C-alpha atoms as a PDB file:
ATOM      1  CA  MET A   1     -28.749 100.122 -39.542  1.00  0.00           C
ATOM      2  CA  VAL A   2     -29.067 102.243 -36.400  1.00  0.00           C
ATOM      3  CA  THR A   3     -28.671 100.602 -32.985  1.00  0.00           C
ATOM      4  CA  LEU A   4     -30.805 101.939 -30.134  1.00  0.00           C
ATOM      5  CA  GLN A   5     -29.968 100.473 -26.730  1.00  0.00           C
ATOM      6  CA  VAL A   6     -32.275 101.372 -23.865  1.00  0.00           C
ATOM      7  CA  VAL A   7     -30.970 100.732 -20.364  1.00  0.00           C
ATOM      8  CA  THR A   8     -33.952 100.301 -18.045  1.00  0.00           C
ATOM      9  CA  VAL A   9     -34.694  99.552 -14.402  1.00  0.00           C
ATOM     10  CA  PRO A  10     -37.668  97.410 -13.312  1.00  0.00           C
ATOM     11  CA  GLY A  11     -40.518  99.572 -12.014  1.00  0.00           C
ATOM     12  CA  CYS A  12     -39.194 102.769 -13.623  1.00  0.00           C
ATOM     13  CA  VAL A  13     -42.066 105.062 -14.647  1.00  0.00           C
ATOM     14  CA  GLU A  14     -40.011 106.924 -17.267  1.00  0.00           C
ATOM     15  CA  CYS A  15     -38.841 103.602 -18.743  1.00  0.00           C
ATOM     16  CA  ARG A  16     -42.416 102.401 -19.068  1.00  0.00           C
ATOM     17  CA  ARG A  17     -43.470 105.710 -20.632  1.00  0.00           C
ATOM     18  CA  PHE A  18     -40.686 105.393 -23.221  1.00  0.00           C
ATOM     19  CA  GLU A  19     -41.505 101.732 -23.932  1.00  0.00           C
ATOM     20  CA  GLU A  20     -45.141 102.644 -24.627  1.00  0.00           C
ATOM     21  CA  TRP A  21     -44.050 105.486 -26.937  1.00  0.00           C
ATOM     22  CA  TRP A  22     -41.698 103.093 -28.761  1.00  0.00           C
ATOM     23  CA  LYS A  23     -44.442 100.475 -29.247  1.00  0.00           C
ATOM     24  CA  VAL A  24     -46.671 103.088 -30.902  1.00  0.00           C
ATOM     25  CA  ASN A  25     -43.941 104.785 -32.967  1.00  0.00           C
ATOM     26  CA  SER A  26     -41.328 102.123 -33.788  1.00  0.00           C
ATOM     27  CA  ALA A  27     -42.798 101.456 -37.242  1.00  0.00           C
ATOM     28  CA  GLN A  28     -41.569 104.933 -38.262  1.00  0.00           C
ATOM     29  CA  PHE A  29     -37.998 103.733 -37.771  1.00  0.00           C
ATOM     30  CA  PRO A  30     -37.576 100.493 -39.776  1.00  0.00           C
ATOM     31  CA  ASN A  31     -33.782 100.956 -39.856  1.00  0.00           C
ATOM     32  CA  VAL A  32     -33.502 100.937 -36.034  1.00  0.00           C
ATOM     33  CA  LYS A  33     -32.424  97.813 -34.176  1.00  0.00           C
ATOM     34  CA  PHE A  34     -33.961  98.164 -30.694  1.00  0.00           C
ATOM     35  CA  GLU A  35     -32.429  96.478 -27.665  1.00  0.00           C
ATOM     36  CA  GLU A  36     -33.738  96.820 -24.114  1.00  0.00           C
ATOM     37  CA  ILE A  37     -31.137  96.095 -21.436  1.00  0.00           C
ATOM     38  CA  ASN A  38     -31.902  95.666 -17.743  1.00  0.00           C
ATOM     39  CA  ALA A  39     -29.562  97.908 -15.715  1.00  0.00           C
ATOM     40  CA  LEU A  40     -29.488  95.322 -12.926  1.00  0.00           C
ATOM     41  CA  GLU A  41     -27.984  92.597 -15.141  1.00  0.00           C
ATOM     42  CA  GLN A  42     -24.290  92.358 -16.052  1.00  0.00           C
ATOM     43  CA  LYS A  43     -24.511  93.946 -19.515  1.00  0.00           C
ATOM     44  CA  GLY A  44     -26.663  96.735 -18.079  1.00  0.00           C
ATOM     45  CA  GLN A  45     -24.186  97.349 -15.258  1.00  0.00           C
ATOM     46  CA  GLU A  46     -21.342  97.582 -17.765  1.00  0.00           C
ATOM     47  CA  LEU A  47     -23.251 100.212 -19.768  1.00  0.00           C
ATOM     48  CA  VAL A  48     -24.243 102.137 -16.615  1.00  0.00           C
ATOM     49  CA  PHE A  49     -20.585 102.447 -15.634  1.00  0.00           C
ATOM     50  CA  LYS A  50     -19.271 103.067 -19.162  1.00  0.00           C
ATOM     51  CA  TYR A  51     -21.701 105.927 -19.878  1.00  0.00           C
ATOM     52  CA  SER A  52     -22.254 107.192 -16.293  1.00  0.00           C
ATOM     53  CA  ILE A  53     -26.002 106.605 -16.478  1.00  0.00           C
ATOM     54  CA  PHE A  54     -27.443 107.956 -13.228  1.00  0.00           C
ATOM     55  CA  SER A  55     -31.132 107.984 -14.180  1.00  0.00           C
ATOM     56  CA  SER A  56     -33.174 105.717 -16.373  1.00  0.00           C
ATOM     57  CA  PRO A  57     -33.861 105.079 -19.081  1.00  0.00           C
ATOM     58  CA  GLY A  58     -30.455 105.563 -20.610  1.00  0.00           C
ATOM     59  CA  LEU A  59     -30.604 105.773 -24.409  1.00  0.00           C
ATOM     60  CA  ILE A  60     -27.515 104.850 -26.397  1.00  0.00           C
ATOM     61  CA  ILE A  61     -27.555 105.385 -30.162  1.00  0.00           C
ATOM     62  CA  ASN A  62     -24.799 103.728 -32.198  1.00  0.00           C
ATOM     63  CA  GLY A  63     -22.546 103.595 -29.149  1.00  0.00           C
ATOM     64  CA  ASP A  64     -23.075 107.239 -28.085  1.00  0.00           C
ATOM     65  CA  LEU A  65     -25.108 108.246 -25.042  1.00  0.00           C
ATOM     66  CA  PHE A  66     -28.158 110.206 -26.259  1.00  0.00           C
ATOM     67  CA  SER A  67     -30.025 110.841 -23.008  1.00  0.00           C
ATOM     68  CA  THR A  68     -30.779 109.702 -19.477  1.00  0.00           C
ATOM     69  CA  GLY A  69     -33.948 110.076 -17.465  1.00  0.00           C
ATOM     70  CA  GLY A  70     -37.130 111.375 -19.074  1.00  0.00           C
ATOM     71  CA  VAL A  71     -36.937 111.055 -22.863  1.00  0.00           C
ATOM     72  CA  ASN A  72     -37.582 114.007 -25.164  1.00  0.00           C
ATOM     73  CA  THR A  73     -39.306 111.931 -27.833  1.00  0.00           C
ATOM     74  CA  GLU A  74     -39.333 114.775 -30.383  1.00  0.00           C
ATOM     75  CA  LYS A  75     -35.532 115.087 -30.216  1.00  0.00           C
ATOM     76  CA  LEU A  76     -35.162 111.309 -30.295  1.00  0.00           C
ATOM     77  CA  ALA A  77     -37.393 110.963 -33.363  1.00  0.00           C
ATOM     78  CA  ALA A  78     -35.470 113.731 -35.162  1.00  0.00           C
ATOM     79  CA  LYS A  79     -32.129 112.077 -34.327  1.00  0.00           C
ATOM     80  CA  LEU A  80     -33.262 108.637 -35.501  1.00  0.00           C
ATOM     81  CA  LYS A  81     -34.638 110.078 -38.753  1.00  0.00           C
ATOM     82  CA  GLU A  82     -31.390 111.901 -39.551  1.00  0.00           C
ATOM     83  CA  LEU A  83     -29.270 108.742 -39.162  1.00  0.00           C
END
């Protein structure tokens, strides 16, 4: 099982763009446990500080920071498929 945590901020355009991509493509990744975390809540704040996330969304895969800001969905898909 792969864990994908997405740290988002309300009103974030890039977050919304990623969420829409995930809704369309998530079926390709049945082994991925998806968790969206609001950066303004306590758990989100802890992750922001732990991983130095300065732009959203912040993507964390199995405890490792994958990306922040605009998401390169091709690289993300390749990473999730290899795990």
